Amino acid sequence: MPANRFPAALLLAAITLAACSPEPTPAEPTPVPEAEPTPQVVAGDATELRDAIQAPQDKARAVEDTLMQAADAQREAIDAAEGGEAVPPEGG
């Protein structure tokens, strides 16, 4: 039986020593990384970006004008038809 006591005594000694050890020191605070500098905007990049945004808007305005003109022409044709006046069709 003495052979069975040795591992138990060793385990008891390890637990006792672990309980008496000093508390761990707190970890050093993590350094805060510095903010990266903002890249300088090159004038050509800003112009390309502006043009890329502006082009679809200009196209939409042109389509809007075309649609408004077509709507006005249709309205005039309807008014003329109701009044009995004949309006020749456009483009023909």
PDB file of N, CA and C in Angstrom:
ATOM      1  N   MET A   1       0.785  -1.203   0.000  1.00  0.00           N
ATOM      2  CA  MET A   1       0.000   0.000   0.000  1.00  0.00           C
ATOM      3  C   MET A   1       0.838   1.283   0.000  1.00  0.00           C
ATOM      4  N   PRO A   2       2.068   1.280   0.525  1.00  0.00           N
ATOM      5  CA  PRO A   2       2.833   2.506   0.522  1.00  0.00           C
ATOM      6  C   PRO A   2       3.079   3.029  -0.883  1.00  0.00           C
ATOM      7  N   ALA A   3       3.095   2.186  -1.879  1.00  0.00           N
ATOM      8  CA  ALA A   3       3.330   2.647  -3.250  1.00  0.00           C
ATOM      9  C   ALA A   3       2.156   3.472  -3.757  1.00  0.00           C
ATOM     10  N   ASN A   4       0.948   3.196  -3.276  1.00  0.00           N
ATOM     11  CA  ASN A   4      -0.237   3.947  -3.699  1.00  0.00           C
ATOM     12  C   ASN A   4      -0.302   5.324  -3.042  1.00  0.00           C
ATOM     13  N   ARG A   5       0.398   5.502  -1.940  1.00  0.00           N
ATOM     14  CA  ARG A   5       0.346   6.775  -1.231  1.00  0.00           C
ATOM     15  C   ARG A   5       1.254   7.834  -1.885  1.00  0.00           C
ATOM     16  N   PHE A   6       2.284   7.395  -2.551  1.00  0.00           N
ATOM     17  CA  PHE A   6       3.228   8.347  -3.128  1.00  0.00           C
ATOM     18  C   PHE A   6       2.561   9.253  -4.171  1.00  0.00           C
ATOM     19  N   PRO A   7       1.806   8.732  -5.158  1.00  0.00           N
ATOM     20  CA  PRO A   7       1.156   9.641  -6.110  1.00  0.00           C
ATOM     21  C   PRO A   7       0.139  10.560  -5.431  1.00  0.00           C
ATOM     22  N   ALA A   8      -0.560  10.045  -4.420  1.00  0.00           N
ATOM     23  CA  ALA A   8      -1.535  10.870  -3.718  1.00  0.00           C
ATOM     24  C   ALA A   8      -0.835  11.989  -2.960  1.00  0.00           C
ATOM     25  N   ALA A   9       0.304  11.694  -2.316  1.00  0.00           N
ATOM     26  CA  ALA A   9       1.061  12.707  -1.578  1.00  0.00           C
ATOM     27  C   ALA A   9       1.630  13.742  -2.542  1.00  0.00           C
ATOM     28  N   LEU A  10       2.094  13.264  -3.693  1.00  0.00           N
ATOM     29  CA  LEU A  10       2.633  14.179  -4.701  1.00  0.00           C
ATOM     30  C   LEU A  10       1.543  15.125  -5.218  1.00  0.00           C
ATOM     31  N   LEU A  11       0.371  14.571  -5.442  1.00  0.00           N
ATOM     32  CA  LEU A  11      -0.763  15.390  -5.906  1.00  0.00           C
ATOM     33  C   LEU A  11      -1.164  16.404  -4.838  1.00  0.00           C
ATOM     34  N   LEU A  12      -1.179  15.978  -3.572  1.00  0.00           N
ATOM     35  CA  LEU A  12      -1.529  16.882  -2.480  1.00  0.00           C
ATOM     36  C   LEU A  12      -0.499  17.998  -2.348  1.00  0.00           C
ATOM     37  N   ALA A  13       0.774  17.698  -2.517  1.00  0.00           N
ATOM     38  CA  ALA A  13       1.827  18.706  -2.427  1.00  0.00           C
ATOM     39  C   ALA A  13       1.707  19.711  -3.580  1.00  0.00           C
ATOM     40  N   ALA A  14       1.378  19.230  -4.791  1.00  0.00           N
ATOM     41  CA  ALA A  14       1.237  20.131  -5.945  1.00  0.00           C
ATOM     42  C   ALA A  14       0.066  21.077  -5.753  1.00  0.00           C
ATOM     43  N   ILE A  15      -1.025  20.577  -5.220  1.00  0.00           N
ATOM     44  CA  ILE A  15      -2.201  21.425  -4.986  1.00  0.00           C
ATOM     45  C   ILE A  15      -1.892  22.465  -3.914  1.00  0.00           C
ATOM     46  N   THR A  16      -1.177  22.054  -2.877  1.00  0.00           N
ATOM     47  CA  THR A  16      -0.833  22.978  -1.800  1.00  0.00           C
ATOM     48  C   THR A  16       0.077  24.089  -2.310  1.00  0.00           C
ATOM     49  N   LEU A  17       1.080  23.714  -3.113  1.00  0.00           N
ATOM     50  CA  LEU A  17       1.997  24.724  -3.640  1.00  0.00           C
ATOM     51  C   LEU A  17       1.275  25.669  -4.614  1.00  0.00           C
ATOM     52  N   ALA A  18       0.360  25.143  -5.394  1.00  0.00           N
ATOM     53  CA  ALA A  18      -0.371  25.983  -6.342  1.00  0.00           C
ATOM     54  C   ALA A  18      -1.260  26.973  -5.615  1.00  0.00           C
ATOM     55  N   ALA A  19      -1.821  26.566  -4.486  1.00  0.00           N
ATOM     56  CA  ALA A  19      -2.695  27.454  -3.728  1.00  0.00           C
ATOM     57  C   ALA A  19      -1.918  28.565  -3.056  1.00  0.00           C
ATOM     58  N   CYS A  20      -0.648  28.361  -2.796  1.00  0.00           N
ATOM     59  CA  CYS A  20       0.160  29.353  -2.096  1.00  0.00           C
ATOM     60  C   CYS A  20       0.942  30.263  -3.038  1.00  0.00           C
ATOM     61  N   SER A  21       0.849  30.043  -4.321  1.00  0.00           N
ATOM     62  CA  SER A  21       1.625  30.863  -5.241  1.00  0.00           C
ATOM     63  C   SER A  21       1.048  32.276  -5.293  1.00  0.00           C
ATOM     64  N   PRO A  22       1.907  33.280  -5.553  1.00  0.00           N
ATOM     65  CA  PRO A  22       1.398  34.656  -5.613  1.00  0.00           C
ATOM     66  C   PRO A  22       0.470  34.832  -6.819  1.00  0.00           C
ATOM     67  N   GLU A  23      -0.368  35.839  -6.729  1.00  0.00           N
ATOM     68  CA  GLU A  23      -1.294  36.108  -7.831  1.00  0.00           C
ATOM     69  C   GLU A  23      -0.507  36.568  -9.044  1.00  0.00           C
ATOM     70  N   PRO A  24      -0.985  36.224 -10.225  1.00  0.00           N
ATOM     71  CA  PRO A  24      -0.260  36.643 -11.430  1.00  0.00           C
ATOM     72  C   PRO A  24      -0.326  38.159 -11.585  1.00  0.00           C
ATOM     73  N   THR A  25       0.734  38.711 -12.137  1.00  0.00           N
ATOM     74  CA  THR A  25       0.770  40.159 -12.351  1.00  0.00           C
ATOM     75  C   THR A  25      -0.162  40.505 -13.499  1.00  0.00           C
ATOM     76  N   PRO A  26      -0.815  41.638 -13.423  1.00  0.00           N
ATOM     77  CA  PRO A  26      -1.723  42.001 -14.514  1.00  0.00           C
ATOM     78  C   PRO A  26      -0.917  42.240 -15.795  1.00  0.00           C
ATOM     79  N   ALA A  27      -1.527  41.899 -16.889  1.00  0.00           N
ATOM     80  CA  ALA A  27      -0.873  42.083 -18.181  1.00  0.00           C
ATOM     81  C   ALA A  27      -0.744  43.567 -18.477  1.00  0.00           C
ATOM     82  N   GLU A  28       0.285  43.899 -19.210  1.00  0.00           N
ATOM     83  CA  GLU A  28       0.474  45.291 -19.590  1.00  0.00           C
ATOM     84  C   GLU A  28      -0.658  45.699 -20.528  1.00  0.00           C
ATOM     85  N   PRO A  29      -1.105  46.937 -20.434  1.00  0.00           N
ATOM     86  CA  PRO A  29      -2.195  47.360 -21.333  1.00  0.00           C
ATOM     87  C   PRO A  29      -1.724  47.308 -22.781  1.00  0.00           C
ATOM     88  N   THR A  30      -2.624  46.934 -23.626  1.00  0.00           N
ATOM     89  CA  THR A  30      -2.319  46.848 -25.048  1.00  0.00           C
ATOM     90  C   THR A  30      -2.158  48.255 -25.600  1.00  0.00           C
ATOM     91  N   PRO A  31      -1.057  48.501 -26.286  1.00  0.00           N
ATOM     92  CA  PRO A  31      -0.877  49.857 -26.837  1.00  0.00           C
ATOM     93  C   PRO A  31      -1.918  50.122 -27.923  1.00  0.00           C
ATOM     94  N   VAL A  32      -2.418  51.342 -27.925  1.00  0.00           N
ATOM     95  CA  VAL A  32      -3.417  51.744 -28.910  1.00  0.00           C
ATOM     96  C   VAL A  32      -2.687  52.132 -30.191  1.00  0.00           C
ATOM     97  N   PRO A  33      -3.045  51.494 -31.304  1.00  0.00           N
ATOM     98  CA  PRO A  33      -2.350  51.850 -32.547  1.00  0.00           C
ATOM     99  C   PRO A  33      -2.724  53.261 -32.982  1.00  0.00           C
ATOM    100  N   GLU A  34      -1.750  53.926 -33.544  1.00  0.00           N
ATOM    101  CA  GLU A  34      -2.003  55.280 -34.021  1.00  0.00           C
ATOM    102  C   GLU A  34      -2.825  55.218 -35.299  1.00  0.00           C
ATOM    103  N   ALA A  35      -3.649  56.198 -35.471  1.00  0.00           N
ATOM    104  CA  ALA A  35      -4.471  56.246 -36.678  1.00  0.00           C
ATOM    105  C   ALA A  35      -3.578  56.475 -37.886  1.00  0.00           C
ATOM    106  N   GLU A  36      -3.914  55.759 -38.957  1.00  0.00           N
ATOM    107  CA  GLU A  36      -3.134  55.929 -40.176  1.00  0.00           C
ATOM    108  C   GLU A  36      -3.491  57.270 -40.798  1.00  0.00           C
ATOM    109  N   PRO A  37      -2.518  57.930 -41.371  1.00  0.00           N
ATOM    110  CA  PRO A  37      -2.825  59.225 -41.989  1.00  0.00           C
ATOM    111  C   PRO A  37      -3.736  59.037 -43.196  1.00  0.00           C
ATOM    112  N   THR A  38      -4.621  59.969 -43.377  1.00  0.00           N
ATOM    113  CA  THR A  38      -5.533  59.902 -44.521  1.00  0.00           C
ATOM    114  C   THR A  38      -4.745  60.143 -45.796  1.00  0.00           C
ATOM    115  N   PRO A  39      -5.012  59.334 -46.815  1.00  0.00           N
ATOM    116  CA  PRO A  39      -4.274  59.543 -48.056  1.00  0.00           C
ATOM    117  C   PRO A  39      -4.671  60.867 -48.701  1.00  0.00           C
ATOM    118  N   GLN A  40      -3.723  61.476 -49.321  1.00  0.00           N
ATOM    119  CA  GLN A  40      -3.982  62.739 -49.995  1.00  0.00           C
ATOM    120  C   GLN A  40      -4.770  62.473 -51.268  1.00  0.00           C
ATOM    121  N   VAL A  41      -5.786  63.254 -51.498  1.00  0.00           N
ATOM    122  CA  VAL A  41      -6.608  63.111 -52.687  1.00  0.00           C
ATOM    123  C   VAL A  41      -5.937  63.862 -53.820  1.00  0.00           C
ATOM    124  N   VAL A  42      -5.730  63.144 -54.892  1.00  0.00           N
ATOM    125  CA  VAL A  42      -5.125  63.753 -56.067  1.00  0.00           C
ATOM    126  C   VAL A  42      -6.249  64.396 -56.872  1.00  0.00           C
ATOM    127  N   ALA A  43      -5.981  65.546 -57.441  1.00  0.00           N
ATOM    128  CA  ALA A  43      -7.012  66.284 -58.162  1.00  0.00           C
ATOM    129  C   ALA A  43      -7.620  65.444 -59.273  1.00  0.00           C
ATOM    130  N   GLY A  44      -6.831  64.634 -59.956  1.00  0.00           N
ATOM    131  CA  GLY A  44      -7.353  63.790 -61.033  1.00  0.00           C
ATOM    132  C   GLY A  44      -8.331  62.749 -60.522  1.00  0.00           C
ATOM    133  N   ASP A  45      -8.055  62.196 -59.329  1.00  0.00           N
ATOM    134  CA  ASP A  45      -8.957  61.204 -58.750  1.00  0.00           C
ATOM    135  C   ASP A  45     -10.309  61.824 -58.427  1.00  0.00           C
ATOM    136  N   ALA A  46     -10.286  63.042 -57.883  1.00  0.00           N
ATOM    137  CA  ALA A  46     -11.530  63.713 -57.524  1.00  0.00           C
ATOM    138  C   ALA A  46     -12.342  64.028 -58.776  1.00  0.00           C
ATOM    139  N   THR A  47     -11.668  64.409 -59.839  1.00  0.00           N
ATOM    140  CA  THR A  47     -12.362  64.725 -61.085  1.00  0.00           C
ATOM    141  C   THR A  47     -12.987  63.474 -61.672  1.00  0.00           C
ATOM    142  N   GLU A  48     -12.260  62.351 -61.640  1.00  0.00           N
ATOM    143  CA  GLU A  48     -12.801  61.099 -62.170  1.00  0.00           C
ATOM    144  C   GLU A  48     -14.012  60.655 -61.360  1.00  0.00           C
ATOM    145  N   LEU A  49     -13.936  60.785 -60.063  1.00  0.00           N
ATOM    146  CA  LEU A  49     -15.052  60.396 -59.210  1.00  0.00           C
ATOM    147  C   LEU A  49     -16.259  61.285 -59.471  1.00  0.00           C
ATOM    148  N   ARG A  50     -16.015  62.584 -59.561  1.00  0.00           N
ATOM    149  CA  ARG A  50     -17.113  63.516 -59.829  1.00  0.00           C
ATOM    150  C   ARG A  50     -17.764  63.198 -61.166  1.00  0.00           C
ATOM    151  N   ASP A  51     -16.956  62.936 -62.183  1.00  0.00           N
ATOM    152  CA  ASP A  51     -17.490  62.623 -63.505  1.00  0.00           C
ATOM    153  C   ASP A  51     -18.281  61.314 -63.487  1.00  0.00           C
ATOM    154  N   ALA A  52     -17.787  60.335 -62.737  1.00  0.00           N
ATOM    155  CA  ALA A  52     -18.478  59.046 -62.657  1.00  0.00           C
ATOM    156  C   ALA A  52     -19.848  59.186 -61.990  1.00  0.00           C
ATOM    157  N   ILE A  53     -19.954  60.103 -61.058  1.00  0.00           N
ATOM    158  CA  ILE A  53     -21.240  60.340 -60.393  1.00  0.00           C
ATOM    159  C   ILE A  53     -22.137  61.220 -61.258  1.00  0.00           C
ATOM    160  N   GLN A  54     -21.556  62.202 -61.906  1.00  0.00           N
ATOM    161  CA  GLN A  54     -22.323  63.185 -62.653  1.00  0.00           C
ATOM    162  C   GLN A  54     -22.903  62.620 -63.951  1.00  0.00           C
ATOM    163  N   ALA A  55     -22.190  61.708 -64.622  1.00  0.00           N
ATOM    164  CA  ALA A  55     -22.622  61.216 -65.933  1.00  0.00           C
ATOM    165  C   ALA A  55     -24.020  60.578 -65.897  1.00  0.00           C
ATOM    166  N   PRO A  56     -24.319  59.653 -64.979  1.00  0.00           N
ATOM    167  CA  PRO A  56     -25.670  59.090 -64.954  1.00  0.00           C
ATOM    168  C   PRO A  56     -26.741  60.127 -64.609  1.00  0.00           C
ATOM    169  N   GLN A  57     -26.382  61.099 -63.795  1.00  0.00           N
ATOM    170  CA  GLN A  57     -27.352  62.136 -63.451  1.00  0.00           C
ATOM    171  C   GLN A  57     -27.669  63.000 -64.667  1.00  0.00           C
ATOM    172  N   ASP A  58     -26.648  63.330 -65.452  1.00  0.00           N
ATOM    173  CA  ASP A  58     -26.875  64.114 -66.667  1.00  0.00           C
ATOM    174  C   ASP A  58     -27.735  63.331 -67.659  1.00  0.00           C
ATOM    175  N   LYS A  59     -27.473  62.032 -67.769  1.00  0.00           N
ATOM    176  CA  LYS A  59     -28.248  61.193 -68.683  1.00  0.00           C
ATOM    177  C   LYS A  59     -29.711  61.147 -68.243  1.00  0.00           C
ATOM    178  N   ALA A  60     -29.940  61.038 -66.947  1.00  0.00           N
ATOM    179  CA  ALA A  60     -31.309  60.997 -66.430  1.00  0.00           C
ATOM    180  C   ALA A  60     -32.034  62.319 -66.700  1.00  0.00           C
ATOM    181  N   ARG A  61     -31.323  63.420 -66.569  1.00  0.00           N
ATOM    182  CA  ARG A  61     -31.953  64.721 -66.861  1.00  0.00           C
ATOM    183  C   ARG A  61     -32.342  64.825 -68.324  1.00  0.00           C
ATOM    184  N   ALA A  62     -31.488  64.325 -69.211  1.00  0.00           N
ATOM    185  CA  ALA A  62     -31.795  64.371 -70.642  1.00  0.00           C
ATOM    186  C   ALA A  62     -33.006  63.497 -70.959  1.00  0.00           C
ATOM    187  N   VAL A  63     -33.079  62.336 -70.352  1.00  0.00           N
ATOM    188  CA  VAL A  63     -34.235  61.455 -70.567  1.00  0.00           C
ATOM    189  C   VAL A  63     -35.495  62.114 -70.017  1.00  0.00           C
ATOM    190  N   GLU A  64     -35.376  62.758 -68.868  1.00  0.00           N
ATOM    191  CA  GLU A  64     -36.537  63.430 -68.283  1.00  0.00           C
ATOM    192  C   GLU A  64     -37.064  64.513 -69.227  1.00  0.00           C
ATOM    193  N   ASP A  65     -36.155  65.298 -69.798  1.00  0.00           N
ATOM    194  CA  ASP A  65     -36.580  66.345 -70.737  1.00  0.00           C
ATOM    195  C   ASP A  65     -37.291  65.742 -71.944  1.00  0.00           C
ATOM    196  N   THR A  66     -36.753  64.653 -72.466  1.00  0.00           N
ATOM    197  CA  THR A  66     -37.369  63.990 -73.619  1.00  0.00           C
ATOM    198  C   THR A  66     -38.768  63.485 -73.265  1.00  0.00           C
ATOM    199  N   LEU A  67     -38.891  62.875 -72.091  1.00  0.00           N
ATOM    200  CA  LEU A  67     -40.195  62.359 -71.667  1.00  0.00           C
ATOM    201  C   LEU A  67     -41.205  63.487 -71.453  1.00  0.00           C
ATOM    202  N   MET A  68     -40.740  64.587 -70.890  1.00  0.00           N
ATOM    203  CA  MET A  68     -41.648  65.717 -70.665  1.00  0.00           C
ATOM    204  C   MET A  68     -42.129  66.295 -71.996  1.00  0.00           C
ATOM    205  N   GLN A  69     -41.239  66.390 -72.975  1.00  0.00           N
ATOM    206  CA  GLN A  69     -41.641  66.892 -74.293  1.00  0.00           C
ATOM    207  C   GLN A  69     -42.643  65.942 -74.944  1.00  0.00           C
ATOM    208  N   ALA A  70     -42.406  64.644 -74.816  1.00  0.00           N
ATOM    209  CA  ALA A  70     -43.334  63.664 -75.384  1.00  0.00           C
ATOM    210  C   ALA A  70     -44.693  63.739 -74.691  1.00  0.00           C
ATOM    211  N   ALA A  71     -44.692  63.924 -73.371  1.00  0.00           N
ATOM    212  CA  ALA A  71     -45.948  64.036 -72.629  1.00  0.00           C
ATOM    213  C   ALA A  71     -46.712  65.289 -73.040  1.00  0.00           C
ATOM    214  N   ASP A  72     -45.987  66.400 -73.228  1.00  0.00           N
ATOM    215  CA  ASP A  72     -46.639  67.636 -73.676  1.00  0.00           C
ATOM    216  C   ASP A  72     -47.252  67.459 -75.062  1.00  0.00           C
ATOM    217  N   ALA A  73     -46.523  66.797 -75.953  1.00  0.00           N
ATOM    218  CA  ALA A  73     -47.041  66.579 -77.305  1.00  0.00           C
ATOM    219  C   ALA A  73     -48.283  65.686 -77.272  1.00  0.00           C
ATOM    220  N   GLN A  74     -48.247  64.655 -76.418  1.00  0.00           N
ATOM    221  CA  GLN A  74     -49.405  63.761 -76.306  1.00  0.00           C
ATOM    222  C   GLN A  74     -50.604  64.519 -75.730  1.00  0.00           C
ATOM    223  N   ARG A  75     -50.349  65.343 -74.737  1.00  0.00           N
ATOM    224  CA  ARG A  75     -51.432  66.125 -74.127  1.00  0.00           C
ATOM    225  C   ARG A  75     -52.059  67.073 -75.162  1.00  0.00           C
ATOM    226  N   GLU A  76     -51.219  67.708 -75.957  1.00  0.00           N
ATOM    227  CA  GLU A  76     -51.736  68.609 -76.992  1.00  0.00           C
ATOM    228  C   GLU A  76     -52.546  67.835 -78.025  1.00  0.00           C
ATOM    229  N   ALA A  77     -52.083  66.625 -78.369  1.00  0.00           N
ATOM    230  CA  ALA A  77     -52.816  65.802 -79.341  1.00  0.00           C
ATOM    231  C   ALA A  77     -54.170  65.396 -78.776  1.00  0.00           C
ATOM    232  N   ILE A  78     -54.228  65.070 -77.504  1.00  0.00           N
ATOM    233  CA  ILE A  78     -55.498  64.690 -76.874  1.00  0.00           C
ATOM    234  C   ILE A  78     -56.438  65.884 -76.824  1.00  0.00           C
ATOM    235  N   ASP A  79     -55.906  67.048 -76.429  1.00  0.00           N
ATOM    236  CA  ASP A  79     -56.725  68.259 -76.383  1.00  0.00           C
ATOM    237  C   ASP A  79     -57.263  68.597 -77.771  1.00  0.00           C
ATOM    238  N   ALA A  80     -56.434  68.455 -78.771  1.00  0.00           N
ATOM    239  CA  ALA A  80     -56.870  68.764 -80.138  1.00  0.00           C
ATOM    240  C   ALA A  80     -57.926  67.778 -80.604  1.00  0.00           C
ATOM    241  N   ALA A  81     -57.771  66.502 -80.225  1.00  0.00           N
ATOM    242  CA  ALA A  81     -58.736  65.484 -80.634  1.00  0.00           C
ATOM    243  C   ALA A  81     -60.077  65.720 -79.954  1.00  0.00           C
ATOM    244  N   GLU A  82     -60.056  66.147 -78.711  1.00  0.00           N
ATOM    245  CA  GLU A  82     -61.294  66.406 -78.009  1.00  0.00           C
ATOM    246  C   GLU A  82     -62.003  67.632 -78.574  1.00  0.00           C
ATOM    247  N   GLY A  83     -61.234  68.601 -79.039  1.00  0.00           N
ATOM    248  CA  GLY A  83     -61.804  69.801 -79.586  1.00  0.00           C
ATOM    249  C   GLY A  83     -62.193  69.645 -81.051  1.00  0.00           C
ATOM    250  N   GLY A  84     -61.878  68.480 -81.631  1.00  0.00           N
ATOM    251  CA  GLY A  84     -62.221  68.246 -83.016  1.00  0.00           C
ATOM    252  C   GLY A  84     -61.139  68.654 -83.982  1.00  0.00           C
ATOM    253  N   GLU A  85     -60.033  69.162 -83.480  1.00  0.00           N
ATOM    254  CA  GLU A  85     -58.951  69.546 -84.356  1.00  0.00           C
ATOM    255  C   GLU A  85     -58.052  68.331 -84.609  1.00  0.00           C
ATOM    256  N   ALA A  86     -57.598  68.167 -85.802  1.00  0.00           N
ATOM    257  CA  ALA A  86     -56.699  67.066 -86.125  1.00  0.00           C
ATOM    258  C   ALA A  86     -55.265  67.551 -86.021  1.00  0.00           C
ATOM    259  N   VAL A  87     -54.438  66.760 -85.386  1.00  0.00           N
ATOM    260  CA  VAL A  87     -53.024  67.093 -85.239  1.00  0.00           C
ATOM    261  C   VAL A  87     -52.236  66.035 -85.992  1.00  0.00           C
ATOM    262  N   PRO A  88     -51.364  66.429 -86.901  1.00  0.00           N
ATOM    263  CA  PRO A  88     -50.584  65.438 -87.626  1.00  0.00           C
ATOM    264  C   PRO A  88     -49.624  64.740 -86.690  1.00  0.00           C
ATOM    265  N   PRO A  89     -49.408  63.412 -86.869  1.00  0.00           N
ATOM    266  CA  PRO A  89     -48.489  62.703 -85.988  1.00  0.00           C
ATOM    267  C   PRO A  89     -47.054  63.173 -86.211  1.00  0.00           C
ATOM    268  N   GLU A  90     -46.241  63.121 -85.152  1.00  0.00           N
ATOM    269  CA  GLU A  90     -44.867  63.579 -85.246  1.00  0.00           C
ATOM    270  C   GLU A  90     -44.019  62.526 -85.965  1.00  0.00           C
ATOM    271  N   GLY A  91     -42.979  62.977 -86.638  1.00  0.00           N
ATOM    272  CA  GLY A  91     -42.046  62.083 -87.293  1.00  0.00           C
ATOM    273  C   GLY A  91     -42.568  61.482 -88.578  1.00  0.00           C
ATOM    274  N   GLY A  92     -43.633  61.919 -89.132  1.00  0.00           N
ATOM    275  CA  GLY A  92     -44.168  61.262 -90.303  1.00  0.00           C
ATOM    276  C   GLY A  92     -44.612  62.203 -91.287  1.00  0.00           C
TER     277      GLY A  92
END
